PDB file of N, CA and C in Angstrom:
ATOM      1  N   MET A   1       0.810  -1.185   0.000  1.00  0.00           N
ATOM      2  CA  MET A   1       0.000   0.000   0.000  1.00  0.00           C
ATOM      3  C   MET A   1       0.867   1.267   0.000  1.00  0.00           C
ATOM      4  N   ASN A   2       1.923   1.270   0.837  1.00  0.00           N
ATOM      5  CA  ASN A   2       2.801   2.443   0.878  1.00  0.00           C
ATOM      6  C   ASN A   2       3.424   2.716  -0.487  1.00  0.00           C
ATOM      7  N   GLU A   3       3.810   1.655  -1.173  1.00  0.00           N
ATOM      8  CA  GLU A   3       4.429   1.808  -2.497  1.00  0.00           C
ATOM      9  C   GLU A   3       3.448   2.451  -3.472  1.00  0.00           C
ATOM     10  N   THR A   4       2.203   2.031  -3.426  1.00  0.00           N
ATOM     11  CA  THR A   4       1.176   2.596  -4.309  1.00  0.00           C
ATOM     12  C   THR A   4       0.959   4.070  -4.002  1.00  0.00           C
ATOM     13  N   LEU A   5       0.863   4.407  -2.722  1.00  0.00           N
ATOM     14  CA  LEU A   5       0.681   5.807  -2.333  1.00  0.00           C
ATOM     15  C   LEU A   5       1.885   6.651  -2.752  1.00  0.00           C
ATOM     16  N   ARG A   6       3.089   6.100  -2.587  1.00  0.00           N
ATOM     17  CA  ARG A   6       4.284   6.831  -2.993  1.00  0.00           C
ATOM     18  C   ARG A   6       4.285   7.064  -4.491  1.00  0.00           C
ATOM     19  N   ASP A   7       3.914   6.035  -5.268  1.00  0.00           N
ATOM     20  CA  ASP A   7       3.849   6.178  -6.723  1.00  0.00           C
ATOM     21  C   ASP A   7       2.850   7.266  -7.123  1.00  0.00           C
ATOM     22  N   ASP A   8       1.707   7.299  -6.456  1.00  0.00           N
ATOM     23  CA  ASP A   8       0.705   8.338  -6.731  1.00  0.00           C
ATOM     24  C   ASP A   8       1.250   9.722  -6.395  1.00  0.00           C
ATOM     25  N   TYR A   9       1.966   9.811  -5.267  1.00  0.00           N
ATOM     26  CA  TYR A   9       2.561  11.078  -4.850  1.00  0.00           C
ATOM     27  C   TYR A   9       3.600  11.551  -5.868  1.00  0.00           C
ATOM     28  N   VAL A  10       4.454  10.645  -6.316  1.00  0.00           N
ATOM     29  CA  VAL A  10       5.483  10.993  -7.308  1.00  0.00           C
ATOM     30  C   VAL A  10       4.819  11.443  -8.610  1.00  0.00           C
ATOM     31  N   ALA A  11       3.772  10.761  -9.029  1.00  0.00           N
ATOM     32  CA  ALA A  11       3.067  11.157 -10.255  1.00  0.00           C
ATOM     33  C   ALA A  11       2.456  12.551 -10.111  1.00  0.00           C
ATOM     34  N   ASP A  12       1.896  12.829  -8.949  1.00  0.00           N
ATOM     35  CA  ASP A  12       1.313  14.145  -8.701  1.00  0.00           C
ATOM     36  C   ASP A  12       2.400  15.223  -8.699  1.00  0.00           C
ATOM     37  N   CYS A  13       3.522  14.940  -8.055  1.00  0.00           N
ATOM     38  CA  CYS A  13       4.650  15.880  -8.059  1.00  0.00           C
ATOM     39  C   CYS A  13       5.145  16.112  -9.482  1.00  0.00           C
ATOM     40  N   GLY A  14       5.162  15.050 -10.285  1.00  0.00           N
ATOM     41  CA  GLY A  14       5.599  15.168 -11.676  1.00  0.00           C
ATOM     42  C   GLY A  14       4.731  16.134 -12.466  1.00  0.00           C
ATOM     43  N   LYS A  15       3.439  16.146 -12.189  1.00  0.00           N
ATOM     44  CA  LYS A  15       2.541  17.093 -12.871  1.00  0.00           C
ATOM     45  C   LYS A  15       2.914  18.527 -12.512  1.00  0.00           C
ATOM     46  N   GLY A  16       3.204  18.768 -11.235  1.00  0.00           N
ATOM     47  CA  GLY A  16       3.618  20.105 -10.819  1.00  0.00           C
ATOM     48  C   GLY A  16       4.930  20.513 -11.451  1.00  0.00           C
ATOM     49  N   VAL A  17       5.882  19.595 -11.509  1.00  0.00           N
ATOM     50  CA  VAL A  17       7.176  19.871 -12.131  1.00  0.00           C
ATOM     51  C   VAL A  17       6.986  20.180 -13.617  1.00  0.00           C
ATOM     52  N   ASP A  18       6.112  19.435 -14.273  1.00  0.00           N
ATOM     53  CA  ASP A  18       5.835  19.701 -15.697  1.00  0.00           C
ATOM     54  C   ASP A  18       5.277  21.106 -15.894  1.00  0.00           C
ATOM     55  N   ARG A  19       4.366  21.526 -15.017  1.00  0.00           N
ATOM     56  CA  ARG A  19       3.804  22.880 -15.116  1.00  0.00           C
ATOM     57  C   ARG A  19       4.901  23.937 -14.923  1.00  0.00           C
ATOM     58  N   TRP A  20       5.738  23.743 -13.894  1.00  0.00           N
ATOM     59  CA  TRP A  20       6.838  24.686 -13.663  1.00  0.00           C
ATOM     60  C   TRP A  20       7.779  24.718 -14.855  1.00  0.00           C
ATOM     61  N   ASN A  21       8.065  23.565 -15.437  1.00  0.00           N
ATOM     62  CA  ASN A  21       9.014  23.504 -16.555  1.00  0.00           C
ATOM     63  C   ASN A  21       8.503  24.241 -17.785  1.00  0.00           C
ATOM     64  N   ARG A  22       7.197  24.297 -17.977  1.00  0.00           N
ATOM     65  CA  ARG A  22       6.665  25.070 -19.101  1.00  0.00           C
ATOM     66  C   ARG A  22       7.022  26.545 -18.941  1.00  0.00           C
ATOM     67  N   THR A  23       6.977  27.040 -17.712  1.00  0.00           N
ATOM     68  CA  THR A  23       7.338  28.430 -17.448  1.00  0.00           C
ATOM     69  C   THR A  23       8.853  28.616 -17.487  1.00  0.00           C
ATOM     70  N   LEU A  24       9.574  27.698 -16.862  1.00  0.00           N
ATOM     71  CA  LEU A  24      11.029  27.812 -16.788  1.00  0.00           C
ATOM     72  C   LEU A  24      11.706  27.662 -18.148  1.00  0.00           C
ATOM     73  N   ALA A  25      11.050  27.003 -19.084  1.00  0.00           N
ATOM     74  CA  ALA A  25      11.629  26.837 -20.425  1.00  0.00           C
ATOM     75  C   ALA A  25      11.918  28.184 -21.071  1.00  0.00           C
ATOM     76  N   GLN A  26      11.158  29.196 -20.691  1.00  0.00           N
ATOM     77  CA  GLN A  26      11.359  30.541 -21.254  1.00  0.00           C
ATOM     78  C   GLN A  26      12.721  31.118 -20.886  1.00  0.00           C
ATOM     79  N   VAL A  27      13.307  30.652 -19.798  1.00  0.00           N
ATOM     80  CA  VAL A  27      14.629  31.146 -19.388  1.00  0.00           C
ATOM     81  C   VAL A  27      15.687  30.055 -19.482  1.00  0.00           C
ATOM     82  N   GLY A  28      15.340  28.930 -20.094  1.00  0.00           N
ATOM     83  CA  GLY A  28      16.298  27.856 -20.314  1.00  0.00           C
ATOM     84  C   GLY A  28      16.605  27.015 -19.094  1.00  0.00           C
ATOM     85  N   ALA A  29      15.702  26.973 -18.124  1.00  0.00           N
ATOM     86  CA  ALA A  29      15.909  26.182 -16.912  1.00  0.00           C
ATOM     87  C   ALA A  29      14.923  25.008 -16.894  1.00  0.00           C
ATOM     88  N   GLU A  30      15.258  23.999 -16.098  1.00  0.00           N
ATOM     89  CA  GLU A  30      14.391  22.817 -16.002  1.00  0.00           C
ATOM     90  C   GLU A  30      14.545  22.191 -14.615  1.00  0.00           C
ATOM     91  N   LEU A  31      13.431  21.756 -14.061  1.00  0.00           N
ATOM     92  CA  LEU A  31      13.430  21.007 -12.808  1.00  0.00           C
ATOM     93  C   LEU A  31      13.269  19.527 -13.119  1.00  0.00           C
ATOM     94  N   LYS A  32      13.845  18.687 -12.265  1.00  0.00           N
ATOM     95  CA  LYS A  32      13.690  17.238 -12.417  1.00  0.00           C
ATOM     96  C   LYS A  32      13.412  16.635 -11.052  1.00  0.00           C
ATOM     97  N   LEU A  33      12.551  15.646 -11.022  1.00  0.00           N
ATOM     98  CA  LEU A  33      12.345  14.894  -9.791  1.00  0.00           C
ATOM     99  C   LEU A  33      13.517  13.945  -9.600  1.00  0.00           C
ATOM    100  N   PRO A  34      13.932  13.726  -8.369  1.00  0.00           N
ATOM    101  CA  PRO A  34      15.012  12.757  -8.149  1.00  0.00           C
ATOM    102  C   PRO A  34      14.512  11.330  -8.343  1.00  0.00           C
ATOM    103  N   HIS A  35      15.441  10.431  -8.527  1.00  0.00           N
ATOM    104  CA  HIS A  35      15.125   9.003  -8.629  1.00  0.00           C
ATOM    105  C   HIS A  35      14.399   8.559  -7.360  1.00  0.00           C
ATOM    106  N   VAL A  36      13.495   7.592  -7.473  1.00  0.00           N
ATOM    107  CA  VAL A  36      12.707   7.155  -6.312  1.00  0.00           C
ATOM    108  C   VAL A  36      13.571   6.594  -5.188  1.00  0.00           C
ATOM    109  N   ALA A  37      14.784   6.175  -5.492  1.00  0.00           N
ATOM    110  CA  ALA A  37      15.660   5.616  -4.455  1.00  0.00           C
ATOM    111  C   ALA A  37      16.477   6.690  -3.733  1.00  0.00           C
ATOM    112  N   PHE A  38      16.462   7.921  -4.244  1.00  0.00           N
ATOM    113  CA  PHE A  38      17.281   8.984  -3.663  1.00  0.00           C
ATOM    114  C   PHE A  38      16.850   9.322  -2.242  1.00  0.00           C
ATOM    115  N   HIS A  39      17.805   9.303  -1.329  1.00  0.00           N
ATOM    116  CA  HIS A  39      17.625   9.724   0.068  1.00  0.00           C
ATOM    117  C   HIS A  39      16.461   8.995   0.754  1.00  0.00           C
ATOM    118  N   ARG A  40      16.335   7.702   0.496  1.00  0.00           N
ATOM    119  CA  ARG A  40      15.287   6.896   1.134  1.00  0.00           C
ATOM    120  C   ARG A  40      15.809   6.350   2.447  1.00  0.00           C
ATOM    121  N   ARG A  41      14.975   6.378   3.458  1.00  0.00           N
ATOM    122  CA  ARG A  41      15.365   5.854   4.762  1.00  0.00           C
ATOM    123  C   ARG A  41      14.533   4.640   5.158  1.00  0.00           C
ATOM    124  N   VAL A  42      13.608   4.270   4.291  1.00  0.00           N
ATOM    125  CA  VAL A  42      12.756   3.099   4.542  1.00  0.00           C
ATOM    126  C   VAL A  42      12.657   2.279   3.266  1.00  0.00           C
ATOM    127  N   GLY A  43      12.209   1.058   3.400  1.00  0.00           N
ATOM    128  CA  GLY A  43      11.964   0.218   2.239  1.00  0.00           C
ATOM    129  C   GLY A  43      13.224  -0.372   1.633  1.00  0.00           C
ATOM    130  N   ALA A  44      13.088  -0.809   0.403  1.00  0.00           N
ATOM    131  CA  ALA A  44      14.152  -1.541  -0.287  1.00  0.00           C
ATOM    132  C   ALA A  44      15.427  -0.722  -0.462  1.00  0.00           C
ATOM    133  N   PHE A  45      15.324   0.604  -0.487  1.00  0.00           N
ATOM    134  CA  PHE A  45      16.499   1.445  -0.735  1.00  0.00           C
ATOM    135  C   PHE A  45      17.100   2.026   0.547  1.00  0.00           C
ATOM    136  N   ALA A  46      16.564   1.666   1.691  1.00  0.00           N
ATOM    137  CA  ALA A  46      16.964   2.290   2.963  1.00  0.00           C
ATOM    138  C   ALA A  46      18.449   2.177   3.255  1.00  0.00           C
ATOM    139  N   HIS A  47      19.081   1.117   2.841  1.00  0.00           N
ATOM    140  CA  HIS A  47      20.483   0.887   3.194  1.00  0.00           C
ATOM    141  C   HIS A  47      21.441   1.182   2.042  1.00  0.00           C
ATOM    142  N   HIS A  48      20.970   1.971   1.071  1.00  0.00           N
ATOM    143  CA  HIS A  48      21.811   2.319  -0.077  1.00  0.00           C
ATOM    144  C   HIS A  48      21.944   3.828  -0.171  1.00  0.00           C
ATOM    145  N   HIS A  49      23.098   4.271  -0.645  1.00  0.00           N
ATOM    146  CA  HIS A  49      23.291   5.678  -0.979  1.00  0.00           C
ATOM    147  C   HIS A  49      23.035   5.793  -2.477  1.00  0.00           C
ATOM    148  N   VAL A  50      22.019   6.571  -2.837  1.00  0.00           N
ATOM    149  CA  VAL A  50      21.647   6.706  -4.250  1.00  0.00           C
ATOM    150  C   VAL A  50      21.626   8.185  -4.614  1.00  0.00           C
ATOM    151  N   SER A  51      22.263   8.515  -5.717  1.00  0.00           N
ATOM    152  CA  SER A  51      22.319   9.897  -6.194  1.00  0.00           C
ATOM    153  C   SER A  51      20.949  10.305  -6.754  1.00  0.00           C
ATOM    154  N   PRO A  52      20.733  11.607  -6.940  1.00  0.00           N
ATOM    155  CA  PRO A  52      19.441  12.039  -7.498  1.00  0.00           C
ATOM    156  C   PRO A  52      19.124  11.436  -8.867  1.00  0.00           C
ATOM    157  N   ASP A  53      20.172  11.093  -9.643  1.00  0.00           N
ATOM    158  CA  ASP A  53      19.918  10.501 -10.964  1.00  0.00           C
ATOM    159  C   ASP A  53      19.825   8.973 -10.923  1.00  0.00           C
ATOM    160  N   GLY A  54      19.870   8.386  -9.719  1.00  0.00           N
ATOM    161  CA  GLY A  54      19.631   6.957  -9.567  1.00  0.00           C
ATOM    162  C   GLY A  54      20.865   6.080  -9.496  1.00  0.00           C
ATOM    163  N   ARG A  55      22.065   6.668  -9.465  1.00  0.00           N
ATOM    164  CA  ARG A  55      23.284   5.874  -9.357  1.00  0.00           C
ATOM    165  C   ARG A  55      23.523   5.474  -7.907  1.00  0.00           C
ATOM    166  N   ILE A  56      23.850   4.221  -7.671  1.00  0.00           N
ATOM    167  CA  ILE A  56      24.249   3.786  -6.332  1.00  0.00           C
ATOM    168  C   ILE A  56      25.685   4.246  -6.129  1.00  0.00           C
ATOM    169  N   VAL A  57      25.908   4.975  -5.030  1.00  0.00           N
ATOM    170  CA  VAL A  57      27.238   5.512  -4.756  1.00  0.00           C
ATOM    171  C   VAL A  57      27.708   5.022  -3.386  1.00  0.00           C
ATOM    172  N   ASP A  58      29.019   5.087  -3.170  1.00  0.00           N
ATOM    173  CA  ASP A  58      29.548   4.681  -1.861  1.00  0.00           C
ATOM    174  C   ASP A  58      29.358   5.812  -0.849  1.00  0.00           C
ATOM    175  N   GLY A  59      29.614   5.495   0.408  1.00  0.00           N
ATOM    176  CA  GLY A  59      29.416   6.455   1.481  1.00  0.00           C
ATOM    177  C   GLY A  59      30.239   7.722   1.333  1.00  0.00           C
ATOM    178  N   ASP A  60      31.485   7.583   0.873  1.00  0.00           N
ATOM    179  CA  ASP A  60      32.345   8.753   0.695  1.00  0.00           C
ATOM    180  C   ASP A  60      31.797   9.684  -0.387  1.00  0.00           C
ATOM    181  N   THR A  61      31.337   9.110  -1.488  1.00  0.00           N
ATOM    182  CA  THR A  61      30.762   9.910  -2.573  1.00  0.00           C
ATOM    183  C   THR A  61      29.496  10.607  -2.083  1.00  0.00           C
ATOM    184  N   TRP A  62      28.682   9.877  -1.324  1.00  0.00           N
ATOM    185  CA  TRP A  62      27.452  10.463  -0.772  1.00  0.00           C
ATOM    186  C   TRP A  62      27.795  11.679   0.107  1.00  0.00           C
ATOM    187  N   GLN A  63      28.738  11.502   1.029  1.00  0.00           N
ATOM    188  CA  GLN A  63      29.097  12.594   1.931  1.00  0.00           C
ATOM    189  C   GLN A  63      29.696  13.776   1.171  1.00  0.00           C
ATOM    190  N   ALA A  64      30.485  13.497   0.139  1.00  0.00           N
ATOM    191  CA  ALA A  64      31.114  14.564  -0.637  1.00  0.00           C
ATOM    192  C   ALA A  64      30.081  15.393  -1.411  1.00  0.00           C
ATOM    193  N   ASN A  65      28.959  14.789  -1.762  1.00  0.00           N
ATOM    194  CA  ASN A  65      27.950  15.475  -2.582  1.00  0.00           C
ATOM    195  C   ASN A  65      26.695  15.864  -1.816  1.00  0.00           C
ATOM    196  N   ARG A  66      26.586  15.428  -0.582  1.00  0.00           N
ATOM    197  CA  ARG A  66      25.369  15.642   0.213  1.00  0.00           C
ATOM    198  C   ARG A  66      24.915  17.106   0.211  1.00  0.00           C
ATOM    199  N   ALA A  67      25.834  18.039   0.400  1.00  0.00           N
ATOM    200  CA  ALA A  67      25.471  19.457   0.480  1.00  0.00           C
ATOM    201  C   ALA A  67      25.000  20.029  -0.853  1.00  0.00           C
ATOM    202  N   THR A  68      25.333  19.380  -1.966  1.00  0.00           N
ATOM    203  CA  THR A  68      24.828  19.853  -3.258  1.00  0.00           C
ATOM    204  C   THR A  68      23.530  19.150  -3.629  1.00  0.00           C
ATOM    205  N   TRP A  69      23.279  18.005  -3.019  1.00  0.00           N
ATOM    206  CA  TRP A  69      22.068  17.245  -3.329  1.00  0.00           C
ATOM    207  C   TRP A  69      20.918  17.551  -2.384  1.00  0.00           C
ATOM    208  N   LEU A  70      21.221  17.916  -1.163  1.00  0.00           N
ATOM    209  CA  LEU A  70      20.191  18.142  -0.141  1.00  0.00           C
ATOM    210  C   LEU A  70      20.366  19.520   0.487  1.00  0.00           C
ATOM    211  N   PRO A  71      19.286  20.073   1.039  1.00  0.00           N
ATOM    212  CA  PRO A  71      19.414  21.367   1.713  1.00  0.00           C
ATOM    213  C   PRO A  71      20.391  21.283   2.885  1.00  0.00           C
ATOM    214  N   THR A  72      21.160  22.329   3.057  1.00  0.00           N
ATOM    215  CA  THR A  72      22.087  22.419   4.184  1.00  0.00           C
ATOM    216  C   THR A  72      21.376  23.088   5.355  1.00  0.00           C
ATOM    217  N   GLY A  73      22.028  23.129   6.487  1.00  0.00           N
ATOM    218  CA  GLY A  73      21.468  23.844   7.634  1.00  0.00           C
ATOM    219  C   GLY A  73      21.219  25.314   7.310  1.00  0.00           C
ATOM    220  N   ASN A  74      22.131  25.928   6.558  1.00  0.00           N
ATOM    221  CA  ASN A  74      21.948  27.324   6.142  1.00  0.00           C
ATOM    222  C   ASN A  74      20.736  27.481   5.237  1.00  0.00           C
ATOM    223  N   ASP A  75      20.523  26.524   4.328  1.00  0.00           N
ATOM    224  CA  ASP A  75      19.351  26.567   3.452  1.00  0.00           C
ATOM    225  C   ASP A  75      18.065  26.505   4.282  1.00  0.00           C
ATOM    226  N   GLU A  76      18.038  25.590   5.234  1.00  0.00           N
ATOM    227  CA  GLU A  76      16.845  25.432   6.073  1.00  0.00           C
ATOM    228  C   GLU A  76      16.597  26.678   6.907  1.00  0.00           C
ATOM    229  N   GLN A  77      17.664  27.288   7.412  1.00  0.00           N
ATOM    230  CA  GLN A  77      17.532  28.524   8.177  1.00  0.00           C
ATOM    231  C   GLN A  77      16.971  29.644   7.312  1.00  0.00           C
ATOM    232  N   PHE A  78      17.458  29.755   6.086  1.00  0.00           N
ATOM    233  CA  PHE A  78      16.969  30.793   5.180  1.00  0.00           C
ATOM    234  C   PHE A  78      15.483  30.606   4.891  1.00  0.00           C
ATOM    235  N   VAL A  79      15.070  29.383   4.564  1.00  0.00           N
ATOM    236  CA  VAL A  79      13.661  29.131   4.276  1.00  0.00           C
ATOM    237  C   VAL A  79      12.805  29.432   5.509  1.00  0.00           C
ATOM    238  N   SER A  80      13.281  29.038   6.675  1.00  0.00           N
ATOM    239  CA  SER A  80      12.546  29.339   7.909  1.00  0.00           C
ATOM    240  C   SER A  80      12.391  30.841   8.115  1.00  0.00           C
ATOM    241  N   SER A  81      13.405  31.607   7.734  1.00  0.00           N
ATOM    242  CA  SER A  81      13.317  33.063   7.896  1.00  0.00           C
ATOM    243  C   SER A  81      12.245  33.663   6.986  1.00  0.00           C
ATOM    244  N   LEU A  82      11.961  33.007   5.873  1.00  0.00           N
ATOM    245  CA  LEU A  82      10.929  33.483   4.951  1.00  0.00           C
ATOM    246  C   LEU A  82       9.524  33.115   5.413  1.00  0.00           C
ATOM    247  N   MET A  83       9.414  32.005   6.097  1.00  0.00           N
ATOM    248  CA  MET A  83       8.121  31.443   6.459  1.00  0.00           C
ATOM    249  C   MET A  83       7.605  32.026   7.779  1.00  0.00           C
ATOM    250  N   GLN A  84       7.354  33.318   7.801  1.00  0.00           N
ATOM    251  CA  GLN A  84       6.830  33.975   8.986  1.00  0.00           C
ATOM    252  C   GLN A  84       5.301  33.921   8.952  1.00  0.00           C
ATOM    253  N   PRO A  85       4.670  33.562  10.083  1.00  0.00           N
ATOM    254  CA  PRO A  85       3.207  33.467  10.084  1.00  0.00           C
ATOM    255  C   PRO A  85       2.540  34.824   9.881  1.00  0.00           C
ATOM    256  N   VAL A  86       1.456  34.805   9.139  1.00  0.00           N
ATOM    257  CA  VAL A  86       0.641  36.000   8.919  1.00  0.00           C
ATOM    258  C   VAL A  86      -0.784  35.612   9.282  1.00  0.00           C
ATOM    259  N   THR A  87      -1.375  36.300  10.237  1.00  0.00           N
ATOM    260  CA  THR A  87      -2.711  35.919  10.710  1.00  0.00           C
ATOM    261  C   THR A  87      -3.755  37.014  10.519  1.00  0.00           C
ATOM    262  N   GLU A  88      -3.359  38.164   9.998  1.00  0.00           N
ATOM    263  CA  GLU A  88      -4.319  39.243   9.795  1.00  0.00           C
ATOM    264  C   GLU A  88      -5.216  38.930   8.597  1.00  0.00           C
ATOM    265  N   PRO A  89      -6.530  39.102   8.755  1.00  0.00           N
ATOM    266  CA  PRO A  89      -7.432  38.853   7.628  1.00  0.00           C
ATOM    267  C   PRO A  89      -7.053  39.692   6.413  1.00  0.00           C
ATOM    268  N   GLY A  90      -7.052  39.070   5.261  1.00  0.00           N
ATOM    269  CA  GLY A  90      -6.760  39.763   4.015  1.00  0.00           C
ATOM    270  C   GLY A  90      -5.285  39.877   3.673  1.00  0.00           C
ATOM    271  N   ARG A  91      -4.400  39.476   4.589  1.00  0.00           N
ATOM    272  CA  ARG A  91      -2.960  39.529   4.322  1.00  0.00           C
ATOM    273  C   ARG A  91      -2.453  38.133   3.993  1.00  0.00           C
ATOM    274  N   MET A  92      -1.435  38.076   3.155  1.00  0.00           N
ATOM    275  CA  MET A  92      -0.834  36.801   2.760  1.00  0.00           C
ATOM    276  C   MET A  92       0.631  36.804   3.162  1.00  0.00           C
ATOM    277  N   GLY A  93       1.152  35.618   3.445  1.00  0.00           N
ATOM    278  CA  GLY A  93       2.578  35.488   3.693  1.00  0.00           C
ATOM    279  C   GLY A  93       3.347  35.875   2.441  1.00  0.00           C
ATOM    280  N   GLY A  94       4.575  36.324   2.627  1.00  0.00           N
ATOM    281  CA  GLY A  94       5.393  36.760   1.504  1.00  0.00           C
ATOM    282  C   GLY A  94       5.702  35.655   0.514  1.00  0.00           C
ATOM    283  N   TRP A  95       5.527  34.407   0.899  1.00  0.00           N
ATOM    284  CA  TRP A  95       5.839  33.284   0.017  1.00  0.00           C
ATOM    285  C   TRP A  95       4.591  32.794  -0.728  1.00  0.00           C
ATOM    286  N   ILE A  96       3.450  33.460  -0.526  1.00  0.00           N
ATOM    287  CA  ILE A  96       2.194  33.040  -1.153  1.00  0.00           C
ATOM    288  C   ILE A  96       1.698  34.152  -2.070  1.00  0.00           C
ATOM    289  N   ALA A  97       1.337  33.798  -3.295  1.00  0.00           N
ATOM    290  CA  ALA A  97       0.744  34.780  -4.196  1.00  0.00           C
ATOM    291  C   ALA A  97      -0.707  34.999  -3.777  1.00  0.00           C
ATOM    292  N   PRO A  98      -1.135  36.239  -3.622  1.00  0.00           N
ATOM    293  CA  PRO A  98      -2.517  36.477  -3.200  1.00  0.00           C
ATOM    294  C   PRO A  98      -3.502  36.010  -4.282  1.00  0.00           C
ATOM    295  N   PRO A  99      -4.631  35.461  -3.856  1.00  0.00           N
ATOM    296  CA  PRO A  99      -5.620  35.013  -4.840  1.00  0.00           C
ATOM    297  C   PRO A  99      -6.312  36.217  -5.480  1.00  0.00           C
ATOM    298  N   THR A 100      -6.879  36.004  -6.639  1.00  0.00           N
ATOM    299  CA  THR A 100      -7.615  37.083  -7.305  1.00  0.00           C
ATOM    300  C   THR A 100      -8.983  37.279  -6.666  1.00  0.00           C
ATOM    301  N   ALA A 101      -9.506  36.238  -6.025  1.00  0.00           N
ATOM    302  CA  ALA A 101     -10.803  36.328  -5.349  1.00  0.00           C
ATOM    303  C   ALA A 101     -10.808  35.368  -4.172  1.00  0.00           C
ATOM    304  N   GLY A 102     -11.707  35.606  -3.241  1.00  0.00           N
ATOM    305  CA  GLY A 102     -11.829  34.728  -2.087  1.00  0.00           C
ATOM    306  C   GLY A 102     -12.647  33.487  -2.421  1.00  0.00           C
ATOM    307  N   ILE A 103     -12.878  32.662  -1.421  1.00  0.00           N
ATOM    308  CA  ILE A 103     -13.638  31.425  -1.590  1.00  0.00           C
ATOM    309  C   ILE A 103     -15.120  31.744  -1.723  1.00  0.00           C
ATOM    310  N   ASN A 104     -15.783  31.074  -2.656  1.00  0.00           N
ATOM    311  CA  ASN A 104     -17.225  31.255  -2.900  1.00  0.00           C
ATOM    312  C   ASN A 104     -17.603  32.711  -3.136  1.00  0.00           C
ATOM    313  N   GLY A 105     -16.748  33.426  -3.842  1.00  0.00           N
ATOM    314  CA  GLY A 105     -17.052  34.809  -4.191  1.00  0.00           C
ATOM    315  C   GLY A 105     -16.900  35.805  -3.051  1.00  0.00           C
ATOM    316  N   LYS A 106     -16.455  35.371  -1.904  1.00  0.00           N
ATOM    317  CA  LYS A 106     -16.247  36.272  -0.768  1.00  0.00           C
ATOM    318  C   LYS A 106     -14.971  37.077  -1.012  1.00  0.00           C
ATOM    319  N   PRO A 107     -14.874  38.253  -0.376  1.00  0.00           N
ATOM    320  CA  PRO A 107     -13.634  39.014  -0.529  1.00  0.00           C
ATOM    321  C   PRO A 107     -12.456  38.277   0.101  1.00  0.00           C
ATOM    322  N   VAL A 108     -11.261  38.568  -0.378  1.00  0.00           N
ATOM    323  CA  VAL A 108     -10.062  37.906   0.132  1.00  0.00           C
ATOM    324  C   VAL A 108      -9.927  38.115   1.630  1.00  0.00           C
ATOM    325  N   GLU A 109     -10.281  39.298   2.124  1.00  0.00           N
ATOM    326  CA  GLU A 109     -10.117  39.611   3.547  1.00  0.00           C
ATOM    327  C   GLU A 109     -11.247  39.061   4.425  1.00  0.00           C
ATOM    328  N   PHE A 110     -12.197  38.313   3.856  1.00  0.00           N
ATOM    329  CA  PHE A 110     -13.293  37.737   4.629  1.00  0.00           C
ATOM    330  C   PHE A 110     -12.745  36.878   5.764  1.00  0.00           C
ATOM    331  N   GLU A 111     -13.350  36.949   6.925  1.00  0.00           N
ATOM    332  CA  GLU A 111     -12.901  36.195   8.099  1.00  0.00           C
ATOM    333  C   GLU A 111     -13.492  34.778   8.036  1.00  0.00           C
ATOM    334  N   TYR A 112     -12.793  33.891   7.327  1.00  0.00           N
ATOM    335  CA  TYR A 112     -13.254  32.528   7.125  1.00  0.00           C
ATOM    336  C   TYR A 112     -13.191  31.714   8.413  1.00  0.00           C
ATOM    337  N   VAL A 113     -12.189  31.996   9.220  1.00  0.00           N
ATOM    338  CA  VAL A 113     -11.984  31.260  10.484  1.00  0.00           C
ATOM    339  C   VAL A 113     -11.839  32.298  11.586  1.00  0.00           C
ATOM    340  N   ARG A 114     -12.558  32.105  12.647  1.00  0.00           N
ATOM    341  CA  ARG A 114     -12.420  32.998  13.788  1.00  0.00           C
ATOM    342  C   ARG A 114     -11.581  32.329  14.851  1.00  0.00           C
ATOM    343  N   VAL A 115     -10.616  33.050  15.335  1.00  0.00           N
ATOM    344  CA  VAL A 115      -9.773  32.558  16.421  1.00  0.00           C
ATOM    345  C   VAL A 115     -10.027  33.452  17.616  1.00  0.00           C
ATOM    346  N   ASP A 116     -10.771  32.930  18.573  1.00  0.00           N
ATOM    347  CA  ASP A 116     -11.109  33.732  19.763  1.00  0.00           C
ATOM    348  C   ASP A 116     -10.240  33.364  20.936  1.00  0.00           C
TER     349      ASP A 116
END
């Protein structure tokens, strides 16, 4: 069951990557999903070091490339600095594009959830 759910998740992610790539093609860039065995900690690939392109690599190669293949502590800190909560009605976080309209024709600033 987990394998089926993972396959569905990868297929869904692939659709998003395809959409992004249509836009990125205008500037000559492309995103790719990593191989399903990349950075797995469970299942059949749990005990293997696998590169994003699907090559099985030794531990030394993995460690030498880890910082280019995965986010570093600095990367995670930077993303965390961007992800500041915004709770005021009608305001959006800086990482979210504001919608053109609210849900069910309501204004964007409509108080959908009340926190008392």
